[in-house]
Amino acid sequence: MAHRLLPHLGVALITGLMLLGTVFVPRTVSSHDEMAAVRLGYPWSFAVQDQSALDPPSFPREQAFLSPLEFPVRIQVERAALAFGVVFAAIESLFLVWWRAFNSSMEES
């Protein structure tokens, strides 16, 4: 039983790490008002960080995730779950296609 569950847990771990990594991808902000709610994460933004304490010289500009100790972060759990589910389903589907192709080629040998 555990040997069948392990690949799916691996896919879940990869999905979580990928989504966590997307928080560090810069987003374009066009005004000081948008700095108060910088939306981070892909494929749907699920983390909102208040960077209004910064005073950039011009807009638009690229803003990425900054220290959560200095700039508060709010996680939108529903959007994070949706993003996780979609990315997990996509990776899991690719994994299953690869697995079936690999097993069918092994049976032919």
N, C-alpha and C. Protein backbone atom coordinates (compact mmCIF):
# COMPACT_ATOMS: atom_id res chain seq x y z
N MET A 1 0.82 -1.19 0.00
CA MET A 1 0.00 0.00 0.00
C MET A 1 0.86 1.25 0.00
N ALA A 2 1.87 1.29 0.86
CA ALA A 2 2.71 2.48 0.97
C ALA A 2 3.50 2.72 -0.32
N HIS A 3 3.90 1.63 -1.00
CA HIS A 3 4.66 1.81 -2.24
C HIS A 3 3.81 2.42 -3.36
N ARG A 4 2.50 2.28 -3.29
CA ARG A 4 1.60 2.89 -4.28
C ARG A 4 1.32 4.35 -3.93
N LEU A 5 1.38 4.69 -2.67
CA LEU A 5 1.09 6.05 -2.22
C LEU A 5 2.30 6.97 -2.36
N LEU A 6 3.48 6.42 -2.30
CA LEU A 6 4.71 7.21 -2.31
C LEU A 6 4.87 8.09 -3.56
N PRO A 7 4.63 7.60 -4.78
CA PRO A 7 4.76 8.49 -5.94
C PRO A 7 3.80 9.68 -5.89
N HIS A 8 2.59 9.48 -5.38
CA HIS A 8 1.62 10.56 -5.30
C HIS A 8 2.03 11.59 -4.24
N LEU A 9 2.61 11.12 -3.16
CA LEU A 9 3.14 12.05 -2.16
C LEU A 9 4.32 12.85 -2.73
N GLY A 10 5.12 12.19 -3.56
CA GLY A 10 6.21 12.89 -4.23
C GLY A 10 5.70 13.98 -5.15
N VAL A 11 4.63 13.67 -5.90
CA VAL A 11 4.03 14.67 -6.78
C VAL A 11 3.46 15.82 -5.95
N ALA A 12 2.84 15.52 -4.81
CA ALA A 12 2.30 16.56 -3.95
C ALA A 12 3.43 17.44 -3.42
N LEU A 13 4.55 16.86 -3.04
CA LEU A 13 5.69 17.63 -2.56
C LEU A 13 6.25 18.53 -3.66
N ILE A 14 6.39 17.99 -4.86
CA ILE A 14 6.88 18.78 -5.99
C ILE A 14 5.93 19.94 -6.28
N THR A 15 4.63 19.66 -6.23
CA THR A 15 3.62 20.70 -6.47
C THR A 15 3.75 21.81 -5.43
N GLY A 16 3.85 21.43 -4.17
CA GLY A 16 3.98 22.43 -3.10
C GLY A 16 5.22 23.28 -3.26
N LEU A 17 6.34 22.65 -3.61
CA LEU A 17 7.58 23.41 -3.80
C LEU A 17 7.49 24.33 -5.00
N MET A 18 6.85 23.86 -6.07
CA MET A 18 6.67 24.72 -7.25
C MET A 18 5.82 25.93 -6.92
N LEU A 19 4.71 25.72 -6.21
CA LEU A 19 3.85 26.84 -5.86
C LEU A 19 4.54 27.81 -4.91
N LEU A 20 5.28 27.28 -3.97
CA LEU A 20 6.05 28.15 -3.07
C LEU A 20 7.06 28.98 -3.86
N GLY A 21 7.68 28.37 -4.83
CA GLY A 21 8.64 29.09 -5.67
C GLY A 21 8.02 30.21 -6.48
N THR A 22 6.74 30.05 -6.87
CA THR A 22 6.11 31.09 -7.69
C THR A 22 5.86 32.37 -6.91
N VAL A 23 5.87 32.31 -5.60
CA VAL A 23 5.69 33.51 -4.78
C VAL A 23 6.86 34.47 -5.00
N PHE A 24 8.01 33.96 -5.38
CA PHE A 24 9.21 34.79 -5.56
C PHE A 24 9.34 35.36 -6.97
N VAL A 25 8.38 35.04 -7.85
CA VAL A 25 8.39 35.60 -9.21
C VAL A 25 7.87 37.04 -9.13
N PRO A 26 8.63 38.01 -9.65
CA PRO A 26 8.20 39.41 -9.55
C PRO A 26 6.89 39.70 -10.29
N ARG A 27 6.13 40.63 -9.75
CA ARG A 27 4.88 41.10 -10.35
C ARG A 27 5.00 42.60 -10.61
N THR A 28 4.35 43.06 -11.64
CA THR A 28 4.36 44.48 -11.97
C THR A 28 3.30 45.21 -11.16
N VAL A 29 3.69 46.29 -10.51
CA VAL A 29 2.75 47.17 -9.82
C VAL A 29 2.80 48.52 -10.50
N SER A 30 1.64 49.15 -10.61
CA SER A 30 1.54 50.38 -11.37
C SER A 30 1.27 51.62 -10.53
N SER A 31 1.05 51.44 -9.23
CA SER A 31 0.75 52.60 -8.39
C SER A 31 1.09 52.29 -6.94
N HIS A 32 1.08 53.35 -6.13
CA HIS A 32 1.34 53.17 -4.70
C HIS A 32 0.20 52.39 -4.05
N ASP A 33 -1.02 52.52 -4.57
CA ASP A 33 -2.16 51.75 -4.05
C ASP A 33 -1.94 50.25 -4.25
N GLU A 34 -1.38 49.87 -5.39
CA GLU A 34 -1.10 48.46 -5.65
C GLU A 34 0.01 47.94 -4.74
N MET A 35 0.87 48.83 -4.26
CA MET A 35 1.94 48.41 -3.35
C MET A 35 1.35 47.92 -2.02
N ALA A 36 0.16 48.38 -1.68
CA ALA A 36 -0.48 47.95 -0.44
C ALA A 36 -1.00 46.52 -0.53
N ALA A 37 -1.10 46.00 -1.75
CA ALA A 37 -1.60 44.64 -1.94
C ALA A 37 -0.93 44.02 -3.16
N VAL A 38 0.35 43.68 -3.03
CA VAL A 38 1.08 43.03 -4.12
C VAL A 38 0.65 41.57 -4.14
N ARG A 39 0.06 41.17 -5.27
CA ARG A 39 -0.45 39.80 -5.40
C ARG A 39 0.65 38.91 -5.95
N LEU A 40 0.94 37.84 -5.21
CA LEU A 40 2.05 36.96 -5.57
C LEU A 40 1.56 35.53 -5.72
N GLY A 41 2.26 34.76 -6.53
CA GLY A 41 1.93 33.36 -6.75
C GLY A 41 1.31 33.13 -8.12
N TYR A 42 1.54 31.94 -8.64
CA TYR A 42 0.98 31.51 -9.92
C TYR A 42 0.43 30.11 -9.76
N PRO A 43 -0.51 29.60 -10.53
CA PRO A 43 -1.15 30.23 -11.67
C PRO A 43 -2.18 31.29 -11.27
N TRP A 44 -2.64 31.26 -10.03
CA TRP A 44 -3.50 32.33 -9.50
C TRP A 44 -2.80 32.91 -8.29
N SER A 45 -2.86 34.21 -8.15
CA SER A 45 -2.22 34.82 -6.99
C SER A 45 -2.93 34.36 -5.72
N PHE A 46 -2.15 33.88 -4.77
CA PHE A 46 -2.72 33.37 -3.52
C PHE A 46 -2.07 33.98 -2.29
N ALA A 47 -1.06 34.80 -2.50
CA ALA A 47 -0.40 35.50 -1.39
C ALA A 47 -0.47 37.00 -1.69
N VAL A 48 -0.87 37.76 -0.70
CA VAL A 48 -0.97 39.21 -0.85
C VAL A 48 -0.05 39.84 0.20
N GLN A 49 0.87 40.65 -0.25
CA GLN A 49 1.83 41.27 0.66
C GLN A 49 1.70 42.79 0.62
N ASP A 50 1.68 43.38 1.79
CA ASP A 50 1.60 44.84 1.92
C ASP A 50 3.01 45.42 1.90
N GLN A 51 3.35 46.05 0.77
CA GLN A 51 4.66 46.67 0.62
C GLN A 51 4.54 48.19 0.55
N SER A 52 3.46 48.71 1.12
CA SER A 52 3.20 50.15 1.05
C SER A 52 4.22 50.98 1.83
N ALA A 53 5.00 50.36 2.70
CA ALA A 53 6.02 51.10 3.44
C ALA A 53 7.16 51.55 2.53
N LEU A 54 7.28 50.90 1.38
CA LEU A 54 8.31 51.30 0.42
C LEU A 54 7.83 52.52 -0.36
N ASP A 55 8.76 53.33 -0.79
CA ASP A 55 8.42 54.51 -1.57
C ASP A 55 9.28 54.52 -2.83
N PRO A 56 8.88 53.73 -3.85
CA PRO A 56 9.71 53.66 -5.07
C PRO A 56 9.66 54.98 -5.84
N PRO A 57 10.72 55.28 -6.58
CA PRO A 57 10.79 56.56 -7.30
C PRO A 57 9.85 56.65 -8.50
N SER A 58 9.49 55.50 -9.09
CA SER A 58 8.65 55.57 -10.28
C SER A 58 7.84 54.28 -10.44
N PHE A 59 6.82 54.37 -11.25
CA PHE A 59 5.97 53.24 -11.60
C PHE A 59 5.86 53.19 -13.12
N PRO A 60 5.56 52.06 -13.71
CA PRO A 60 5.43 50.74 -13.09
C PRO A 60 6.80 50.18 -12.69
N ARG A 61 6.74 49.24 -11.79
CA ARG A 61 7.97 48.60 -11.34
C ARG A 61 7.67 47.15 -10.94
N GLU A 62 8.70 46.35 -10.92
CA GLU A 62 8.59 44.94 -10.56
C GLU A 62 8.77 44.79 -9.06
N GLN A 63 7.86 44.10 -8.43
CA GLN A 63 7.96 43.83 -6.99
C GLN A 63 7.86 42.32 -6.78
N ALA A 64 8.71 41.80 -5.93
CA ALA A 64 8.70 40.38 -5.58
C ALA A 64 8.47 40.24 -4.08
N PHE A 65 8.42 39.01 -3.63
CA PHE A 65 8.22 38.70 -2.22
C PHE A 65 9.37 39.29 -1.40
N LEU A 66 9.02 39.97 -0.33
CA LEU A 66 10.00 40.53 0.59
C LEU A 66 9.81 39.91 1.97
N SER A 67 10.69 40.21 2.88
CA SER A 67 10.66 39.62 4.21
C SER A 67 9.28 39.74 4.87
N PRO A 68 8.69 38.62 5.26
CA PRO A 68 7.39 38.67 5.92
C PRO A 68 7.45 39.29 7.31
N LEU A 69 8.65 39.42 7.87
CA LEU A 69 8.80 40.07 9.18
C LEU A 69 8.60 41.58 9.06
N GLU A 70 8.96 42.14 7.91
CA GLU A 70 8.82 43.58 7.70
C GLU A 70 7.56 43.95 6.93
N PHE A 71 7.13 43.06 6.05
CA PHE A 71 5.98 43.34 5.19
C PHE A 71 4.96 42.22 5.37
N PRO A 72 3.81 42.51 5.99
CA PRO A 72 2.83 41.47 6.28
C PRO A 72 2.33 40.75 5.03
N VAL A 73 2.12 39.45 5.19
CA VAL A 73 1.63 38.60 4.10
C VAL A 73 0.31 37.97 4.51
N ARG A 74 -0.64 37.96 3.60
CA ARG A 74 -1.92 37.30 3.83
C ARG A 74 -2.05 36.20 2.78
N ILE A 75 -2.26 34.98 3.23
CA ILE A 75 -2.44 33.85 2.33
C ILE A 75 -3.94 33.64 2.11
N GLN A 76 -4.36 33.58 0.87
CA GLN A 76 -5.75 33.30 0.53
C GLN A 76 -5.85 31.78 0.34
N VAL A 77 -6.32 31.11 1.36
CA VAL A 77 -6.30 29.65 1.41
C VAL A 77 -7.09 29.03 0.27
N GLU A 78 -8.25 29.58 -0.06
CA GLU A 78 -9.06 29.01 -1.14
C GLU A 78 -8.32 29.05 -2.47
N ARG A 79 -7.70 30.20 -2.75
CA ARG A 79 -6.96 30.33 -4.01
C ARG A 79 -5.71 29.45 -4.01
N ALA A 80 -5.06 29.31 -2.86
CA ALA A 80 -3.89 28.44 -2.77
C ALA A 80 -4.30 26.99 -2.98
N ALA A 81 -5.43 26.58 -2.42
CA ALA A 81 -5.92 25.21 -2.61
C ALA A 81 -6.29 24.96 -4.06
N LEU A 82 -6.92 25.94 -4.69
CA LEU A 82 -7.27 25.80 -6.11
C LEU A 82 -6.02 25.68 -6.97
N ALA A 83 -5.04 26.54 -6.73
CA ALA A 83 -3.79 26.48 -7.48
C ALA A 83 -3.10 25.15 -7.26
N PHE A 84 -3.07 24.68 -6.00
CA PHE A 84 -2.44 23.39 -5.70
C PHE A 84 -3.16 22.27 -6.44
N GLY A 85 -4.48 22.28 -6.39
CA GLY A 85 -5.25 21.22 -7.04
C GLY A 85 -5.03 21.17 -8.54
N VAL A 86 -5.02 22.31 -9.19
CA VAL A 86 -4.84 22.35 -10.64
C VAL A 86 -3.43 21.91 -11.02
N VAL A 87 -2.43 22.42 -10.34
CA VAL A 87 -1.05 22.06 -10.65
C VAL A 87 -0.79 20.59 -10.31
N PHE A 88 -1.32 20.13 -9.18
CA PHE A 88 -1.17 18.72 -8.82
C PHE A 88 -1.80 17.82 -9.88
N ALA A 89 -3.01 18.15 -10.33
CA ALA A 89 -3.69 17.34 -11.34
C ALA A 89 -2.89 17.30 -12.64
N ALA A 90 -2.32 18.43 -13.03
CA ALA A 90 -1.53 18.47 -14.26
C ALA A 90 -0.27 17.61 -14.14
N ILE A 91 0.45 17.76 -13.04
CA ILE A 91 1.69 16.99 -12.85
C ILE A 91 1.36 15.50 -12.70
N GLU A 92 0.31 15.20 -11.95
CA GLU A 92 -0.09 13.81 -11.76
C GLU A 92 -0.48 13.17 -13.09
N SER A 93 -1.19 13.90 -13.94
CA SER A 93 -1.57 13.38 -15.26
C SER A 93 -0.34 13.09 -16.10
N LEU A 94 0.62 14.02 -16.11
CA LEU A 94 1.86 13.79 -16.86
C LEU A 94 2.62 12.59 -16.30
N PHE A 95 2.64 12.48 -14.99
CA PHE A 95 3.32 11.35 -14.35
C PHE A 95 2.66 10.03 -14.75
N LEU A 96 1.32 9.98 -14.74
CA LEU A 96 0.62 8.74 -15.08
C LEU A 96 0.82 8.37 -16.55
N VAL A 97 0.81 9.35 -17.44
CA VAL A 97 1.07 9.07 -18.86
C VAL A 97 2.47 8.50 -19.02
N TRP A 98 3.44 9.13 -18.37
CA TRP A 98 4.81 8.64 -18.44
C TRP A 98 4.92 7.23 -17.87
N TRP A 99 4.27 7.00 -16.74
CA TRP A 99 4.34 5.70 -16.07
C TRP A 99 3.76 4.60 -16.95
N ARG A 100 2.61 4.87 -17.57
CA ARG A 100 2.00 3.86 -18.45
C ARG A 100 2.86 3.61 -19.68
N ALA A 101 3.43 4.66 -20.25
CA ALA A 101 4.31 4.48 -21.41
C ALA A 101 5.55 3.70 -21.01
N PHE A 102 6.11 3.99 -19.85
CA PHE A 102 7.29 3.29 -19.37
C PHE A 102 6.97 1.81 -19.14
N ASN A 103 5.85 1.52 -18.50
CA ASN A 103 5.48 0.13 -18.23
C ASN A 103 5.17 -0.63 -19.50
N SER A 104 4.52 0.00 -20.47
CA SER A 104 4.21 -0.71 -21.72
C SER A 104 5.48 -0.99 -22.50
N SER A 105 6.46 -0.10 -22.46
CA SER A 105 7.72 -0.36 -23.15
C SER A 105 8.51 -1.46 -22.44
N MET A 106 8.37 -1.57 -21.13
CA MET A 106 9.06 -2.63 -20.38
C MET A 106 8.42 -3.99 -20.68
N GLU A 107 7.10 -4.02 -20.87
CA GLU A 107 6.42 -5.28 -21.18
C GLU A 107 6.75 -5.77 -22.57
N GLU A 108 7.01 -4.85 -23.52
CA GLU A 108 7.37 -5.23 -24.88
C GLU A 108 8.77 -5.81 -24.96
N SER A 109 9.64 -5.43 -24.04
CA SER A 109 11.04 -5.89 -24.10
C SER A 109 11.20 -7.32 -23.72
